[in-house]
N, C-alpha and C. Protein backbone atom coordinates (compact mmCIF):
# COMPACT_ATOMS: atom_id res chain seq x y z
N UNK A 1 -22.92 10.95 -2.22
CA UNK A 1 -23.07 10.85 -0.97
C UNK A 1 -24.59 11.65 -0.49
N UNK A 2 -25.38 11.06 -1.19
CA UNK A 2 -26.93 11.99 -0.90
C UNK A 2 -27.18 11.18 0.02
N UNK A 3 -26.95 9.91 0.49
CA UNK A 3 -27.66 9.00 1.69
C UNK A 3 -27.28 9.93 2.73
N UNK A 4 -28.03 9.47 4.17
CA UNK A 4 -28.01 10.09 5.20
C UNK A 4 -27.13 9.23 6.03
N UNK A 5 -26.27 10.21 6.58
CA UNK A 5 -25.20 9.42 7.40
C UNK A 5 -25.43 10.16 9.02
N UNK A 6 -25.51 9.30 9.88
CA UNK A 6 -25.67 9.96 11.22
C UNK A 6 -24.46 10.84 11.80
N UNK A 7 -24.77 11.62 12.65
CA UNK A 7 -23.71 12.57 13.26
C UNK A 7 -22.57 11.84 14.00
N UNK A 8 -22.96 10.56 14.51
CA UNK A 8 -21.78 9.81 15.26
C UNK A 8 -20.83 9.21 14.35
N UNK A 9 -21.44 8.89 13.21
CA UNK A 9 -20.54 8.15 12.11
C UNK A 9 -19.54 9.24 11.64
N UNK A 10 -20.05 10.57 11.11
CA UNK A 10 -19.38 11.39 10.73
C UNK A 10 -18.37 12.13 11.69
N UNK A 11 -18.81 12.21 13.02
CA UNK A 11 -17.71 12.39 13.94
C UNK A 11 -16.75 11.52 14.25
N UNK A 12 -16.90 10.32 14.09
CA UNK A 12 -16.01 9.32 14.30
C UNK A 12 -15.09 9.18 13.41
N UNK A 13 -15.60 9.22 11.88
CA UNK A 13 -14.79 9.55 10.83
C UNK A 13 -13.76 10.71 10.79
N UNK A 14 -14.48 12.01 11.33
CA UNK A 14 -13.73 13.12 11.47
C UNK A 14 -12.61 12.76 12.30
N UNK A 15 -12.74 12.21 13.44
CA UNK A 15 -11.62 11.84 14.44
C UNK A 15 -10.50 10.84 14.14
N UNK A 16 -10.92 9.81 13.02
CA UNK A 16 -9.91 8.96 12.64
C UNK A 16 -9.22 9.75 11.87
N UNK A 17 -9.82 10.58 10.94
CA UNK A 17 -9.04 11.40 9.77
C UNK A 17 -8.24 12.20 10.54
N UNK A 18 -8.71 12.94 11.75
CA UNK A 18 -7.63 13.73 12.65
C UNK A 18 -6.16 12.96 12.99
N UNK A 19 -6.66 11.73 13.42
CA UNK A 19 -5.52 10.77 13.87
C UNK A 19 -4.59 10.13 13.11
N UNK A 20 -5.43 9.59 11.82
CA UNK A 20 -4.79 8.60 11.05
C UNK A 20 -4.45 9.51 9.33
N UNK A 21 -5.39 10.48 9.30
CA UNK A 21 -5.48 11.13 8.04
C UNK A 21 -4.57 11.80 7.29
N UNK A 22 -4.72 11.98 6.13
CA UNK A 22 -3.49 12.92 5.57
C UNK A 22 -4.31 13.74 4.36
N UNK A 23 -3.94 14.90 4.12
CA UNK A 23 -4.51 15.89 3.12
C UNK A 23 -3.24 16.42 2.36
N UNK A 24 -3.66 15.96 0.85
CA UNK A 24 -2.72 16.93 0.03
C UNK A 24 -3.33 17.87 -0.65
N UNK A 25 -2.73 19.27 -0.55
CA UNK A 25 -3.60 20.23 -1.27
C UNK A 25 -2.29 20.98 -1.77
N UNK A 26 -1.84 20.82 -2.90
CA UNK A 26 -0.92 21.61 -3.83
C UNK A 26 -0.96 21.70 -5.18
N UNK A 27 -0.31 22.64 -5.73
CA UNK A 27 -0.45 23.07 -7.06
C UNK A 27 1.09 22.59 -7.57
N UNK A 28 1.22 21.58 -8.83
CA UNK A 28 2.22 21.13 -9.11
C UNK A 28 2.53 21.50 -10.49
N UNK A 29 3.85 21.73 -10.91
CA UNK A 29 4.18 21.88 -12.43
C UNK A 29 4.10 20.78 -13.11
N UNK A 30 3.58 20.60 -14.33
CA UNK A 30 3.49 19.58 -15.35
C UNK A 30 3.91 19.89 -16.79
N UNK A 31 5.06 19.13 -17.10
CA UNK A 31 5.55 19.40 -18.41
C UNK A 31 4.35 18.95 -19.40
N UNK A 32 4.02 19.63 -20.30
CA UNK A 32 3.33 19.09 -21.15
C UNK A 32 4.05 18.44 -22.61
N UNK A 33 3.73 17.39 -23.12
CA UNK A 33 4.18 17.18 -24.43
C UNK A 33 4.26 18.07 -25.42
N UNK A 34 5.49 18.28 -26.01
CA UNK A 34 5.52 19.01 -27.09
C UNK A 34 5.52 20.60 -26.95
N UNK A 35 5.20 20.84 -25.65
CA UNK A 35 5.03 22.37 -25.09
C UNK A 35 6.31 22.52 -24.25
N UNK A 36 6.98 23.88 -24.41
CA UNK A 36 8.15 24.40 -23.76
C UNK A 36 7.75 25.03 -22.29
N UNK A 37 6.43 25.28 -22.72
CA UNK A 37 5.81 25.92 -21.12
C UNK A 37 5.30 24.91 -20.34
N UNK A 38 5.34 25.04 -18.92
CA UNK A 38 4.70 24.22 -17.91
C UNK A 38 3.37 24.70 -17.75
N UNK A 39 2.61 23.59 -17.42
CA UNK A 39 1.21 24.15 -16.98
C UNK A 39 1.15 23.40 -15.35
N UNK A 40 0.13 23.86 -14.93
CA UNK A 40 -0.01 23.68 -13.26
C UNK A 40 -0.89 22.66 -12.87
N UNK A 41 -0.96 21.76 -12.00
CA UNK A 41 -2.03 20.38 -11.70
C UNK A 41 -2.22 20.91 -10.37
N UNK A 42 -3.65 20.78 -10.23
CA UNK A 42 -4.10 20.70 -8.77
C UNK A 42 -4.00 19.27 -8.23
N UNK A 43 -3.31 19.09 -7.02
CA UNK A 43 -3.13 17.75 -6.42
C UNK A 43 -4.07 17.98 -5.36
N UNK A 44 -5.14 17.17 -5.13
CA UNK A 44 -6.16 17.48 -3.94
C UNK A 44 -6.66 16.05 -3.64
N UNK A 45 -6.17 15.54 -2.37
CA UNK A 45 -6.48 14.14 -2.03
C UNK A 45 -6.48 14.37 -0.61
N UNK A 46 -7.45 13.27 0.08
CA UNK A 46 -7.54 12.93 1.48
C UNK A 46 -7.44 11.58 1.44
N UNK A 47 -6.53 11.03 2.72
CA UNK A 47 -6.62 9.71 2.69
C UNK A 47 -6.29 9.35 4.08
N UNK A 48 -7.07 8.06 4.60
CA UNK A 48 -6.53 7.43 5.97
C UNK A 48 -6.14 6.16 5.65
N UNK A 49 -4.65 5.75 6.28
CA UNK A 49 -4.25 4.62 6.19
C UNK A 49 -4.16 3.97 7.64
N UNK A 50 -4.19 2.53 7.81
CA UNK A 50 -4.08 1.77 8.96
C UNK A 50 -3.86 0.39 8.74
N UNK A 51 -3.88 -0.38 9.76
CA UNK A 51 -3.46 -1.70 9.57
C UNK A 51 -4.86 -2.63 9.80
N UNK A 52 -5.92 -1.76 10.19
CA UNK A 52 -7.32 -2.26 10.91
C UNK A 52 -8.18 -2.24 9.50
N UNK A 53 -8.18 -3.53 8.77
CA UNK A 53 -8.91 -3.44 7.58
C UNK A 53 -10.26 -3.04 7.65
N UNK A 54 -11.30 -3.97 8.62
CA UNK A 54 -12.52 -3.48 8.83
C UNK A 54 -12.93 -1.81 8.91
N UNK A 55 -12.25 -1.31 9.64
CA UNK A 55 -12.65 0.16 9.78
C UNK A 55 -12.59 1.13 8.33
N UNK A 56 -11.46 0.76 7.74
CA UNK A 56 -11.02 1.35 6.54
C UNK A 56 -12.17 0.81 5.54
N UNK A 57 -12.54 -0.46 5.87
CA UNK A 57 -13.74 -0.86 4.88
C UNK A 57 -15.35 -0.08 5.18
N UNK A 58 -14.95 0.04 6.56
CA UNK A 58 -16.42 0.80 6.80
C UNK A 58 -16.43 2.24 6.61
N UNK A 59 -15.56 3.02 6.32
CA UNK A 59 -15.07 4.34 6.11
C UNK A 59 -15.63 4.17 4.78
N UNK A 60 -15.12 3.51 3.82
CA UNK A 60 -15.23 3.59 2.50
C UNK A 60 -16.69 3.08 2.08
N UNK A 61 -17.55 2.23 2.93
CA UNK A 61 -18.83 1.99 2.79
C UNK A 61 -19.85 3.11 3.17
N UNK A 62 -19.30 3.71 4.20
CA UNK A 62 -20.28 4.81 4.77
C UNK A 62 -20.33 6.08 3.67
N UNK A 63 -18.94 6.33 3.40
CA UNK A 63 -18.83 7.58 2.47
C UNK A 63 -19.17 7.32 1.27
N UNK A 64 -19.50 6.05 0.81
CA UNK A 64 -19.76 5.98 -0.46
C UNK A 64 -18.86 6.78 -1.62
N UNK A 65 -17.55 6.95 -1.06
CA UNK A 65 -16.55 7.98 -2.10
C UNK A 65 -15.05 7.32 -2.22
N UNK A 66 -14.69 7.42 -2.84
CA UNK A 66 -13.07 7.24 -2.79
C UNK A 66 -12.64 5.93 -3.29
N UNK A 67 -11.58 5.18 -2.82
CA UNK A 67 -11.12 4.03 -3.10
C UNK A 67 -10.87 3.59 -1.93
N UNK A 68 -10.68 2.00 -1.70
CA UNK A 68 -10.36 0.95 -0.90
C UNK A 68 -8.95 0.39 -1.62
N UNK A 69 -7.80 0.56 -0.76
CA UNK A 69 -6.83 -0.42 -1.36
C UNK A 69 -5.75 -1.05 -0.53
N UNK A 70 -4.90 -1.88 -0.61
CA UNK A 70 -3.98 -2.66 0.09
C UNK A 70 -2.57 -2.11 -0.35
N UNK A 71 -1.73 -2.20 0.86
CA UNK A 71 -0.57 -2.16 0.63
C UNK A 71 0.60 -3.05 1.50
N UNK A 72 0.90 -4.03 0.84
CA UNK A 72 1.62 -5.06 1.35
C UNK A 72 3.33 -4.23 1.91
N UNK A 73 3.55 -5.10 3.15
CA UNK A 73 4.79 -4.57 3.57
C UNK A 73 5.99 -4.96 2.81
N UNK A 74 6.85 -3.95 2.30
CA UNK A 74 8.00 -4.07 1.46
C UNK A 74 8.85 -5.30 1.73
N UNK A 75 10.13 -5.41 0.77
CA UNK A 75 10.80 -6.66 1.07
C UNK A 75 11.88 -6.08 2.48
N UNK A 76 12.04 -7.15 3.19
CA UNK A 76 12.91 -6.58 4.28
C UNK A 76 12.46 -6.04 5.70
N UNK A 77 10.93 -5.75 5.21
CA UNK A 77 10.38 -5.40 6.40
C UNK A 77 9.56 -6.55 7.17
N UNK A 78 10.41 -7.31 7.97
CA UNK A 78 9.66 -8.49 8.53
C UNK A 78 8.81 -7.91 9.83
N UNK A 79 7.93 -8.78 9.87
CA UNK A 79 6.99 -8.42 11.06
C UNK A 79 6.05 -7.09 10.81
N UNK A 80 6.16 -6.78 9.83
CA UNK A 80 5.20 -5.49 9.21
C UNK A 80 3.72 -6.05 9.06
N UNK A 81 2.77 -5.07 9.07
CA UNK A 81 1.45 -5.61 8.80
C UNK A 81 1.11 -5.30 7.65
N UNK A 82 0.11 -5.72 6.78
CA UNK A 82 -0.47 -5.10 5.48
C UNK A 82 -1.17 -4.05 5.97
N UNK A 83 -1.03 -2.78 5.07
CA UNK A 83 -1.81 -1.46 5.41
C UNK A 83 -2.86 -1.20 4.50
N UNK A 84 -3.93 -0.82 5.03
CA UNK A 84 -5.29 -0.65 4.22
C UNK A 84 -5.39 0.89 4.25
N UNK A 85 -5.78 1.38 3.08
CA UNK A 85 -6.03 2.88 2.72
C UNK A 85 -7.29 2.98 2.04
N UNK A 86 -7.99 4.08 2.62
CA UNK A 86 -9.00 4.74 1.84
C UNK A 86 -8.52 5.95 1.43
N UNK A 87 -8.86 6.34 0.36
CA UNK A 87 -8.70 7.68 -0.54
C UNK A 87 -9.59 8.41 -1.48
N UNK A 88 -9.50 9.34 -1.46
CA UNK A 88 -10.43 9.99 -2.52
C UNK A 88 -9.93 11.50 -2.99
N UNK A 89 -9.89 11.81 -4.01
CA UNK A 89 -9.59 13.36 -4.55
C UNK A 89 -10.31 13.93 -5.03
N UNK A 90 -10.21 15.38 -5.62
CA UNK A 90 -10.75 16.37 -5.90
C UNK A 90 -12.08 16.63 -5.51
N UNK A 91 -13.13 16.21 -6.38
CA UNK A 91 -14.64 16.70 -5.96
C UNK A 91 -15.31 15.39 -4.88
N UNK A 92 -14.68 14.44 -4.92
CA UNK A 92 -14.70 13.42 -3.92
C UNK A 92 -14.30 13.96 -2.49
N UNK A 93 -13.26 14.57 -2.60
CA UNK A 93 -12.55 15.12 -1.48
C UNK A 93 -13.25 16.07 -1.07
N UNK A 94 -13.98 16.99 -1.71
CA UNK A 94 -14.46 18.36 -1.43
C UNK A 94 -15.92 17.73 -0.91
N UNK A 95 -16.49 16.90 -1.23
CA UNK A 95 -17.69 16.52 -0.33
C UNK A 95 -17.48 15.83 0.76
N UNK A 96 -16.32 15.04 1.05
CA UNK A 96 -16.22 14.43 2.15
C UNK A 96 -15.51 15.46 3.34
N UNK A 97 -14.55 16.61 2.88
CA UNK A 97 -14.19 17.79 3.33
C UNK A 97 -15.24 18.59 3.97
N UNK A 98 -16.43 18.68 3.20
CA UNK A 98 -17.65 19.68 3.77
C UNK A 98 -18.22 18.76 4.98
N UNK A 99 -18.15 17.51 4.63
CA UNK A 99 -19.03 16.50 5.67
C UNK A 99 -18.48 16.60 7.07
N UNK A 100 -17.06 16.49 6.92
CA UNK A 100 -16.42 16.42 8.42
C UNK A 100 -15.98 17.60 8.85
N UNK A 101 -16.08 18.65 8.31
CA UNK A 101 -15.66 20.03 8.63
C UNK A 101 -16.26 20.40 9.78
N UNK A 102 -17.38 20.40 10.34
CA UNK A 102 -17.44 20.62 11.71
C UNK A 102 -17.00 19.90 12.77
N UNK A 103 -16.31 18.74 12.69
CA UNK A 103 -15.88 18.06 13.58
C UNK A 103 -14.37 17.65 13.52
N UNK A 104 -13.78 18.32 12.59
CA UNK A 104 -12.25 18.11 12.34
C UNK A 104 -11.58 19.24 13.38
N UNK A 105 -10.42 18.64 14.02
CA UNK A 105 -9.87 19.72 14.93
C UNK A 105 -8.55 19.95 14.44
N UNK A 106 -7.58 18.94 14.28
CA UNK A 106 -6.23 18.98 13.91
C UNK A 106 -5.69 19.44 12.44
N UNK A 107 -6.64 18.82 11.59
CA UNK A 107 -6.42 18.93 10.00
C UNK A 107 -7.43 20.12 9.50
N UNK A 108 -7.99 20.85 10.24
CA UNK A 108 -8.91 21.86 9.76
C UNK A 108 -8.41 22.67 8.76
N UNK A 109 -7.09 23.20 8.81
CA UNK A 109 -6.78 24.10 7.62
C UNK A 109 -6.69 23.62 6.53
N UNK A 110 -6.05 22.21 6.37
CA UNK A 110 -6.12 21.86 5.16
C UNK A 110 -7.52 21.27 4.43
N UNK A 111 -8.57 21.09 5.39
CA UNK A 111 -10.05 20.77 5.10
C UNK A 111 -10.56 21.91 4.63
N UNK A 112 -10.14 23.05 5.24
CA UNK A 112 -10.78 24.34 4.82
C UNK A 112 -10.43 24.77 3.38
N UNK A 113 -8.70 24.44 2.90
CA UNK A 113 -8.27 24.68 1.63
C UNK A 113 -9.00 24.07 0.86
N UNK A 114 -9.50 22.95 1.02
CA UNK A 114 -10.10 22.01 0.08
C UNK A 114 -11.54 22.57 -0.18
N UNK A 115 -12.30 22.99 0.69
CA UNK A 115 -13.60 23.53 0.99
C UNK A 115 -13.52 24.94 -0.05
N UNK A 116 -12.59 25.55 0.28
CA UNK A 116 -12.28 27.15 -0.24
C UNK A 116 -12.11 26.84 -1.62
N UNK A 117 -11.09 25.85 -2.04
CA UNK A 117 -10.93 25.55 -3.69
C UNK A 117 -12.11 25.64 -4.47
N UNK A 118 -13.16 24.71 -3.67
CA UNK A 118 -14.43 24.32 -4.59
C UNK A 118 -15.98 25.24 -4.48
N UNK A 119 -15.82 26.01 -3.37
CA UNK A 119 -16.69 26.94 -3.15
C UNK A 119 -16.86 27.97 -4.23
N UNK A 120 -17.98 28.19 -4.75
CA UNK A 120 -18.41 29.22 -5.81
C UNK A 120 -18.18 30.84 -5.33
N UNK A 121 -17.26 31.34 -5.93
CA UNK A 121 -17.23 32.87 -5.16
C UNK A 121 -18.08 33.63 -6.01
N UNK A 122 -18.72 32.96 -7.06
CA UNK A 122 -19.69 34.12 -7.76
C UNK A 122 -20.81 33.19 -8.28
N UNK A 123 -22.07 33.85 -8.36
CA UNK A 123 -23.02 33.25 -8.81
C UNK A 123 -23.06 32.39 -10.16
N UNK A 124 -22.24 32.83 -11.24
CA UNK A 124 -22.15 32.45 -12.42
C UNK A 124 -21.03 31.37 -12.39
N UNK A 125 -20.54 30.84 -11.40
CA UNK A 125 -19.42 30.12 -11.20
C UNK A 125 -19.70 28.68 -12.17
N UNK A 126 -18.61 28.00 -12.53
CA UNK A 126 -19.04 26.77 -13.51
C UNK A 126 -18.42 25.45 -12.55
N UNK A 127 -18.40 25.76 -11.24
CA UNK A 127 -18.24 24.68 -10.17
C UNK A 127 -19.75 23.91 -10.16
N UNK A 128 -19.86 22.89 -10.17
CA UNK A 128 -20.96 21.79 -9.99
C UNK A 128 -20.87 20.98 -8.98
N UNK A 129 -21.94 20.26 -8.47
CA UNK A 129 -21.48 19.44 -7.22
C UNK A 129 -21.19 18.01 -7.87
N UNK A 130 -20.79 17.26 -7.11
CA UNK A 130 -20.47 15.82 -7.48
C UNK A 130 -21.64 15.07 -7.96
N UNK A 131 -22.70 15.32 -7.20
CA UNK A 131 -23.87 14.63 -7.39
C UNK A 131 -24.34 15.17 -9.06
N UNK A 132 -24.32 16.30 -9.30
CA UNK A 132 -24.72 16.91 -10.85
C UNK A 132 -23.65 16.47 -11.73
N UNK A 133 -22.65 16.51 -11.22
CA UNK A 133 -21.83 15.97 -12.24
C UNK A 133 -21.73 14.37 -12.57
N UNK A 134 -22.41 13.63 -11.79
CA UNK A 134 -22.16 12.07 -12.02
C UNK A 134 -23.39 11.87 -12.71
N UNK A 135 -24.42 12.72 -12.41
CA UNK A 135 -25.82 12.55 -13.32
C UNK A 135 -25.88 13.28 -14.54
N UNK A 136 -24.39 13.76 -15.02
CA UNK A 136 -24.65 14.42 -16.50
C UNK A 136 -24.74 13.41 -17.64
């Protein structure tokens, strides 16, 4: 996300996220093969779902992060529309959360949880930026 995104687009995406977005920030137990004890895995994800395909494609193009997907209506759901989703996770979610943080109102607590998870607490932290990670 090195490209310049204008403030109008960022604030618009933040508004869409407040209205139609969803944040998952949780630690879930995971059973490891051959091990008796459980390990824990972080589930960090942001997504926006709606039936307006051009808006979701635009979000994906502007942010240059995450994925675009479709979810057709299930059987027995006559009259329902195709649902379109933009979603990102982990370090992509961190970068997007930092970008929209100044403009988010409703989901600010969850956005701050993602940012706090990745912000280095110490100078010698092993957390690296998404761009540095991709360029390794």
